[in-house]
Amino acid sequence: MKLRVTLAALATASLCFGATAATFEAQRPYQIYLINGEKTANTITKDIHQVTLNEGKNQVAIGYTHDYSNRSEVRVLNGNPVIIELDNVPADAELTIDFKKPLNYQLARQFLREQDSRLTVIDKRTGQAVDAELSIIPMPAGLDTTGGIQAHLKENRQAFNGRTEAAVAAAKEKFGETVVDADAMEMLQHWWNAADADTRRAFQIWMIQQQ
């Protein structure tokens, strides 16, 4: 019996160590700014090119930077950030972006204007394209590019919320079309129901003051 238990434990341990998380890679000249709303370790001196994904829904923000300078002219191209929405990532996916690298400065400028149609997300295990929604947002002003991307996504209600399509459908059925506020509404209802009369009154006064 003891031997059987030991073998079972070893088998379980080997499965755990053998399991691999899904990954996303953005090869140079792209770098990864955000993964699911959180900043990567990307800095002005260190580019991040690979991150771990969740199984299911994910959002990745990437950006293109390349130095095309020559002896007579400084030509550094920074493309507008690309937001990649992935709704159904398998637990062992190895995703990457596939694109034809521009050969020179002029071709790169044209490429950057059409990033959302030039980039494809593929799974390296199969070489096949996966479902992904790509959109381009304006390059944020200032030095904090990543923080600017976060602010833009929040202001335009594009910030990562982690909800799957099934969760969105359920939220629509329960709360109507304002699904972006479904989670917040549910939380407010929970705390309202749990609050005493004095707390509810104080909250009502605060709400009136905000109008």
C-alpha atoms as a PDB file:
ATOM      1  CA  MET A   1       0.000   0.000   0.000  1.00  0.00           C
ATOM      2  CA  LYS A   2       2.815   2.362   0.900  1.00  0.00           C
ATOM      3  CA  LEU A   3       4.509   1.663  -2.435  1.00  0.00           C
ATOM      4  CA  ARG A   4       1.309   2.428  -4.331  1.00  0.00           C
ATOM      5  CA  VAL A   5       0.879   5.736  -2.502  1.00  0.00           C
ATOM      6  CA  THR A   6       4.486   6.680  -3.228  1.00  0.00           C
ATOM      7  CA  LEU A   7       4.138   5.863  -6.925  1.00  0.00           C
ATOM      8  CA  ALA A   8       0.917   7.859  -7.126  1.00  0.00           C
ATOM      9  CA  ALA A   9       2.598  10.836  -5.481  1.00  0.00           C
ATOM     10  CA  LEU A  10       5.519  10.638  -7.896  1.00  0.00           C
ATOM     11  CA  ALA A  11       3.170  10.451 -10.863  1.00  0.00           C
ATOM     12  CA  THR A  12       1.259  13.505  -9.639  1.00  0.00           C
ATOM     13  CA  ALA A  13       4.488  15.414  -9.070  1.00  0.00           C
ATOM     14  CA  SER A  14       5.751  14.590 -12.552  1.00  0.00           C
ATOM     15  CA  LEU A  15       2.517  15.863 -14.062  1.00  0.00           C
ATOM     16  CA  CYS A  16       2.798  19.116 -12.119  1.00  0.00           C
ATOM     17  CA  PHE A  17       6.402  19.688 -13.159  1.00  0.00           C
ATOM     18  CA  GLY A  18       5.599  18.739 -16.747  1.00  0.00           C
ATOM     19  CA  ALA A  19       2.742  21.201 -17.069  1.00  0.00           C
ATOM     20  CA  THR A  20       3.560  24.393 -18.948  1.00  0.00           C
ATOM     21  CA  ALA A  21       1.705  27.678 -18.954  1.00  0.00           C
ATOM     22  CA  ALA A  22       0.562  29.373 -22.131  1.00  0.00           C
ATOM     23  CA  THR A  23       2.979  31.980 -23.471  1.00  0.00           C
ATOM     24  CA  PHE A  24       2.951  34.962 -25.826  1.00  0.00           C
ATOM     25  CA  GLU A  25       6.043  36.162 -27.675  1.00  0.00           C
ATOM     26  CA  ALA A  26       6.588  39.423 -29.546  1.00  0.00           C
ATOM     27  CA  GLN A  27       9.908  39.243 -31.357  1.00  0.00           C
ATOM     28  CA  ARG A  28      11.995  42.317 -32.117  1.00  0.00           C
ATOM     29  CA  PRO A  29      11.403  45.053 -33.097  1.00  0.00           C
ATOM     30  CA  TYR A  30       8.232  44.633 -31.022  1.00  0.00           C
ATOM     31  CA  GLN A  31       8.174  44.750 -27.236  1.00  0.00           C
ATOM     32  CA  ILE A  32       5.438  43.935 -24.724  1.00  0.00           C
ATOM     33  CA  TYR A  33       4.114  46.805 -22.589  1.00  0.00           C
ATOM     34  CA  LEU A  34       1.095  45.275 -20.843  1.00  0.00           C
ATOM     35  CA  ILE A  35      -0.293  41.841 -20.110  1.00  0.00           C
ATOM     36  CA  ASN A  36      -3.887  41.777 -18.884  1.00  0.00           C
ATOM     37  CA  GLY A  37      -3.728  45.401 -17.781  1.00  0.00           C
ATOM     38  CA  GLU A  38      -0.519  44.995 -15.770  1.00  0.00           C
ATOM     39  CA  LYS A  39       2.836  46.516 -16.678  1.00  0.00           C
ATOM     40  CA  THR A  40       5.605  44.156 -17.712  1.00  0.00           C
ATOM     41  CA  ALA A  41       9.210  44.737 -16.652  1.00  0.00           C
ATOM     42  CA  ASN A  42       9.747  46.597 -19.930  1.00  0.00           C
ATOM     43  CA  THR A  43      11.884  49.744 -19.509  1.00  0.00           C
ATOM     44  CA  ILE A  44      13.828  52.147 -21.695  1.00  0.00           C
ATOM     45  CA  THR A  45      16.893  49.908 -21.284  1.00  0.00           C
ATOM     46  CA  LYS A  46      15.215  46.500 -21.149  1.00  0.00           C
ATOM     47  CA  ASP A  47      12.678  45.174 -23.644  1.00  0.00           C
ATOM     48  CA  ILE A  48      10.291  42.365 -22.716  1.00  0.00           C
ATOM     49  CA  HIS A  49       9.507  39.956 -25.535  1.00  0.00           C
ATOM     50  CA  GLN A  50       7.721  37.046 -23.818  1.00  0.00           C
ATOM     51  CA  VAL A  51       5.032  36.774 -21.133  1.00  0.00           C
ATOM     52  CA  THR A  52       2.869  34.084 -19.572  1.00  0.00           C
ATOM     53  CA  LEU A  53      -0.831  34.005 -20.480  1.00  0.00           C
ATOM     54  CA  ASN A  54      -3.888  32.856 -18.603  1.00  0.00           C
ATOM     55  CA  GLU A  55      -6.004  30.078 -19.983  1.00  0.00           C
ATOM     56  CA  GLY A  56      -8.991  31.720 -21.680  1.00  0.00           C
ATOM     57  CA  LYS A  57      -9.226  35.503 -22.047  1.00  0.00           C
ATOM     58  CA  ASN A  58      -6.133  37.727 -22.323  1.00  0.00           C
ATOM     59  CA  GLN A  59      -5.150  41.208 -23.456  1.00  0.00           C
ATOM     60  CA  VAL A  60      -1.639  42.167 -24.606  1.00  0.00           C
ATOM     61  CA  ALA A  61      -0.294  45.612 -25.509  1.00  0.00           C
ATOM     62  CA  ILE A  62       2.761  45.683 -27.774  1.00  0.00           C
ATOM     63  CA  GLY A  63       4.786  48.365 -29.522  1.00  0.00           C
ATOM     64  CA  TYR A  64       7.231  48.642 -32.434  1.00  0.00           C
ATOM     65  CA  THR A  65      10.569  50.427 -32.021  1.00  0.00           C
ATOM     66  CA  HIS A  66      13.451  50.269 -34.486  1.00  0.00           C
ATOM     67  CA  ASP A  67      16.457  52.405 -35.295  1.00  0.00           C
ATOM     68  CA  TYR A  68      16.824  53.074 -39.027  1.00  0.00           C
ATOM     69  CA  SER A  69      19.445  55.789 -38.564  1.00  0.00           C
ATOM     70  CA  ASN A  70      22.294  56.227 -41.009  1.00  0.00           C
ATOM     71  CA  ARG A  71      25.410  58.386 -41.077  1.00  0.00           C
ATOM     72  CA  SER A  72      23.558  61.476 -42.174  1.00  0.00           C
ATOM     73  CA  GLU A  73      20.201  61.174 -40.415  1.00  0.00           C
ATOM     74  CA  VAL A  74      18.681  59.914 -37.175  1.00  0.00           C
ATOM     75  CA  ARG A  75      15.629  57.775 -37.944  1.00  0.00           C
ATOM     76  CA  VAL A  76      14.072  56.023 -34.965  1.00  0.00           C
ATOM     77  CA  LEU A  77      10.550  54.744 -35.591  1.00  0.00           C
ATOM     78  CA  ASN A  78       8.106  54.217 -32.740  1.00  0.00           C
ATOM     79  CA  GLY A  79       4.830  52.712 -33.877  1.00  0.00           C
ATOM     80  CA  ASN A  80       1.497  53.344 -32.217  1.00  0.00           C
ATOM     81  CA  PRO A  81       0.720  50.648 -29.616  1.00  0.00           C
ATOM     82  CA  VAL A  82      -1.219  47.587 -30.768  1.00  0.00           C
ATOM     83  CA  ILE A  83      -3.810  46.048 -28.440  1.00  0.00           C
ATOM     84  CA  ILE A  84      -4.355  42.321 -28.926  1.00  0.00           C
ATOM     85  CA  GLU A  85      -7.485  40.708 -27.498  1.00  0.00           C
ATOM     86  CA  LEU A  86      -7.450  36.914 -27.131  1.00  0.00           C
ATOM     87  CA  ASP A  87     -10.662  35.254 -25.975  1.00  0.00           C
ATOM     88  CA  ASN A  88      -9.898  31.542 -25.891  1.00  0.00           C
ATOM     89  CA  VAL A  89      -6.258  30.735 -25.166  1.00  0.00           C
ATOM     90  CA  PRO A  90      -5.520  27.026 -24.520  1.00  0.00           C
ATOM     91  CA  ALA A  91      -3.556  26.229 -21.358  1.00  0.00           C
ATOM     92  CA  ASP A  92      -0.502  25.076 -23.333  1.00  0.00           C
ATOM     93  CA  ALA A  93      -0.572  27.584 -26.198  1.00  0.00           C
ATOM     94  CA  GLU A  94       2.670  29.054 -27.559  1.00  0.00           C
ATOM     95  CA  LEU A  95       1.474  32.213 -29.252  1.00  0.00           C
ATOM     96  CA  THR A  96       3.518  34.701 -31.214  1.00  0.00           C
ATOM     97  CA  ILE A  97       2.991  37.458 -33.760  1.00  0.00           C
ATOM     98  CA  ASP A  98       3.707  36.702 -37.395  1.00  0.00           C
ATOM     99  CA  PHE A  99       4.565  39.483 -39.835  1.00  0.00           C
ATOM    100  CA  LYS A 100       6.870  40.371 -42.697  1.00  0.00           C
ATOM    101  CA  LYS A 101       9.577  42.644 -41.350  1.00  0.00           C
ATOM    102  CA  PRO A 102      10.003  45.903 -43.287  1.00  0.00           C
ATOM    103  CA  LEU A 103      13.326  46.115 -45.110  1.00  0.00           C
ATOM    104  CA  ASN A 104      13.853  49.850 -44.789  1.00  0.00           C
ATOM    105  CA  TYR A 105      12.605  53.071 -43.226  1.00  0.00           C
ATOM    106  CA  GLN A 106      10.018  53.930 -45.882  1.00  0.00           C
ATOM    107  CA  LEU A 107       8.511  50.437 -45.890  1.00  0.00           C
ATOM    108  CA  ALA A 108       8.445  50.485 -42.088  1.00  0.00           C
ATOM    109  CA  ARG A 109       6.447  53.730 -42.050  1.00  0.00           C
ATOM    110  CA  GLN A 110       3.869  52.164 -44.358  1.00  0.00           C
ATOM    111  CA  PHE A 111       3.832  48.986 -42.289  1.00  0.00           C
ATOM    112  CA  LEU A 112       3.160  50.894 -39.074  1.00  0.00           C
ATOM    113  CA  ARG A 113       0.128  52.596 -40.589  1.00  0.00           C
ATOM    114  CA  GLU A 114      -1.349  49.156 -41.258  1.00  0.00           C
ATOM    115  CA  GLN A 115      -0.184  47.146 -38.248  1.00  0.00           C
ATOM    116  CA  ASP A 116      -3.600  45.827 -37.322  1.00  0.00           C
ATOM    117  CA  SER A 117      -3.959  44.218 -40.762  1.00  0.00           C
ATOM    118  CA  ARG A 118      -0.305  43.198 -41.201  1.00  0.00           C
ATOM    119  CA  LEU A 119       0.037  41.295 -37.911  1.00  0.00           C
ATOM    120  CA  THR A 120      -1.287  37.787 -37.314  1.00  0.00           C
ATOM    121  CA  VAL A 121      -1.267  35.852 -34.042  1.00  0.00           C
ATOM    122  CA  ILE A 122      -0.259  32.232 -34.534  1.00  0.00           C
ATOM    123  CA  ASP A 123       0.296  29.206 -32.306  1.00  0.00           C
ATOM    124  CA  LYS A 124       3.881  28.018 -32.782  1.00  0.00           C
ATOM    125  CA  ARG A 125       2.858  24.437 -32.010  1.00  0.00           C
ATOM    126  CA  THR A 126       0.752  24.242 -35.168  1.00  0.00           C
ATOM    127  CA  GLY A 127       1.779  27.258 -37.224  1.00  0.00           C
ATOM    128  CA  GLN A 128      -1.911  28.123 -37.545  1.00  0.00           C
ATOM    129  CA  ALA A 129      -3.485  31.524 -36.945  1.00  0.00           C
ATOM    130  CA  VAL A 130      -5.623  31.918 -33.829  1.00  0.00           C
ATOM    131  CA  ASP A 131      -8.622  34.165 -33.249  1.00  0.00           C
ATOM    132  CA  ALA A 132      -7.441  37.589 -32.139  1.00  0.00           C
ATOM    133  CA  GLU A 133      -8.788  41.123 -32.316  1.00  0.00           C
ATOM    134  CA  LEU A 134      -6.140  43.761 -33.024  1.00  0.00           C
ATOM    135  CA  SER A 135      -6.562  47.505 -32.687  1.00  0.00           C
ATOM    136  CA  ILE A 136      -4.198  50.470 -32.818  1.00  0.00           C
ATOM    137  CA  ILE A 137      -4.312  53.264 -30.245  1.00  0.00           C
ATOM    138  CA  PRO A 138      -2.517  56.643 -30.329  1.00  0.00           C
ATOM    139  CA  MET A 139       0.988  56.826 -28.909  1.00  0.00           C
ATOM    140  CA  PRO A 140       0.660  58.364 -25.422  1.00  0.00           C
ATOM    141  CA  ALA A 141       2.398  61.659 -24.739  1.00  0.00           C
ATOM    142  CA  GLY A 142       5.245  61.794 -22.240  1.00  0.00           C
ATOM    143  CA  LEU A 143       7.918  59.337 -21.195  1.00  0.00           C
ATOM    144  CA  ASP A 144       5.677  56.822 -19.422  1.00  0.00           C
ATOM    145  CA  THR A 145       4.419  54.975 -22.481  1.00  0.00           C
ATOM    146  CA  THR A 146       3.065  52.020 -20.523  1.00  0.00           C
ATOM    147  CA  GLY A 147       1.201  54.211 -18.047  1.00  0.00           C
ATOM    148  CA  GLY A 148      -0.212  56.210 -20.946  1.00  0.00           C
ATOM    149  CA  ILE A 149      -1.504  53.027 -22.575  1.00  0.00           C
ATOM    150  CA  GLN A 150      -3.160  51.995 -19.314  1.00  0.00           C
ATOM    151  CA  ALA A 151      -4.816  55.405 -18.985  1.00  0.00           C
ATOM    152  CA  HIS A 152      -6.045  55.369 -22.596  1.00  0.00           C
ATOM    153  CA  LEU A 153      -7.569  51.904 -22.249  1.00  0.00           C
ATOM    154  CA  LYS A 154      -9.312  52.896 -19.027  1.00  0.00           C
ATOM    155  CA  GLU A 155     -10.655  56.166 -20.440  1.00  0.00           C
ATOM    156  CA  ASN A 156     -11.986  54.392 -23.530  1.00  0.00           C
ATOM    157  CA  ARG A 157     -13.449  51.471 -21.578  1.00  0.00           C
ATOM    158  CA  GLN A 158     -11.029  49.033 -23.173  1.00  0.00           C
ATOM    159  CA  ALA A 159      -9.249  48.080 -19.950  1.00  0.00           C
ATOM    160  CA  PHE A 160      -8.854  44.346 -19.401  1.00  0.00           C
ATOM    161  CA  ASN A 161     -11.706  42.896 -17.341  1.00  0.00           C
ATOM    162  CA  GLY A 162     -10.992  39.184 -17.627  1.00  0.00           C
ATOM    163  CA  ARG A 163     -14.551  38.284 -18.588  1.00  0.00           C
ATOM    164  CA  THR A 164     -15.071  35.531 -21.121  1.00  0.00           C
ATOM    165  CA  GLU A 165     -17.743  35.735 -23.804  1.00  0.00           C
ATOM    166  CA  ALA A 166     -19.962  33.463 -21.699  1.00  0.00           C
ATOM    167  CA  ALA A 167     -19.614  35.804 -18.724  1.00  0.00           C
ATOM    168  CA  VAL A 168     -20.458  38.820 -20.883  1.00  0.00           C
ATOM    169  CA  ALA A 169     -23.576  37.071 -22.221  1.00  0.00           C
ATOM    170  CA  ALA A 170     -24.671  36.234 -18.675  1.00  0.00           C
ATOM    171  CA  ALA A 171     -24.066  39.834 -17.579  1.00  0.00           C
ATOM    172  CA  LYS A 172     -26.155  41.143 -20.498  1.00  0.00           C
ATOM    173  CA  GLU A 173     -29.025  38.892 -19.520  1.00  0.00           C
ATOM    174  CA  LYS A 174     -28.852  39.996 -15.896  1.00  0.00           C
ATOM    175  CA  PHE A 175     -28.039  43.703 -16.219  1.00  0.00           C
ATOM    176  CA  GLY A 176     -28.902  44.639 -19.804  1.00  0.00           C
ATOM    177  CA  GLU A 177     -26.531  46.093 -22.375  1.00  0.00           C
ATOM    178  CA  THR A 178     -24.378  48.029 -19.871  1.00  0.00           C
ATOM    179  CA  VAL A 179     -22.181  44.984 -19.371  1.00  0.00           C
ATOM    180  CA  VAL A 180     -19.049  47.003 -18.718  1.00  0.00           C
ATOM    181  CA  ASP A 181     -20.468  47.856 -15.297  1.00  0.00           C
ATOM    182  CA  ALA A 182     -21.961  44.458 -14.533  1.00  0.00           C
ATOM    183  CA  ASP A 183     -19.268  43.365 -12.093  1.00  0.00           C
ATOM    184  CA  ALA A 184     -19.332  46.713 -10.277  1.00  0.00           C
ATOM    185  CA  MET A 185     -23.131  46.613 -10.087  1.00  0.00           C
ATOM    186  CA  GLU A 186     -23.092  43.152  -8.557  1.00  0.00           C
ATOM    187  CA  MET A 187     -20.521  44.238  -5.987  1.00  0.00           C
ATOM    188  CA  LEU A 188     -22.518  47.343  -5.084  1.00  0.00           C
ATOM    189  CA  GLN A 189     -25.653  45.255  -4.634  1.00  0.00           C
ATOM    190  CA  HIS A 190     -23.777  42.851  -2.364  1.00  0.00           C
ATOM    191  CA  TRP A 191     -22.428  45.572  -0.080  1.00  0.00           C
ATOM    192  CA  TRP A 192     -25.722  47.474  -0.072  1.00  0.00           C
ATOM    193  CA  ASN A 193     -27.591  44.391   1.082  1.00  0.00           C
ATOM    194  CA  ALA A 194     -24.963  43.723   3.746  1.00  0.00           C
ATOM    195  CA  ALA A 195     -24.902  47.317   5.077  1.00  0.00           C
ATOM    196  CA  ASP A 196     -26.870  48.592   8.068  1.00  0.00           C
ATOM    197  CA  ALA A 197     -29.333  51.483   7.853  1.00  0.00           C
ATOM    198  CA  ASP A 198     -26.813  54.161   8.905  1.00  0.00           C
ATOM    199  CA  THR A 199     -24.276  53.032   6.314  1.00  0.00           C
ATOM    200  CA  ARG A 200     -26.920  53.022   3.578  1.00  0.00           C
ATOM    201  CA  ARG A 201     -28.002  56.545   4.538  1.00  0.00           C
ATOM    202  CA  ALA A 202     -24.401  57.790   4.490  1.00  0.00           C
ATOM    203  CA  PHE A 203     -23.880  56.205   1.093  1.00  0.00           C
ATOM    204  CA  GLN A 204     -27.021  57.841  -0.298  1.00  0.00           C
ATOM    205  CA  ILE A 205     -25.817  61.248   0.902  1.00  0.00           C
ATOM    206  CA  TRP A 206     -22.410  60.656  -0.678  1.00  0.00           C
ATOM    207  CA  MET A 207     -24.024  59.662  -3.987  1.00  0.00           C
ATOM    208  CA  ILE A 208     -26.109  62.845  -4.047  1.00  0.00           C
ATOM    209  CA  GLN A 209     -22.973  64.912  -3.413  1.00  0.00           C
ATOM    210  CA  GLN A 210     -21.261  63.324  -6.423  1.00  0.00           C
ATOM    211  CA  GLN A 211     -23.976  64.438  -8.857  1.00  0.00           C
END
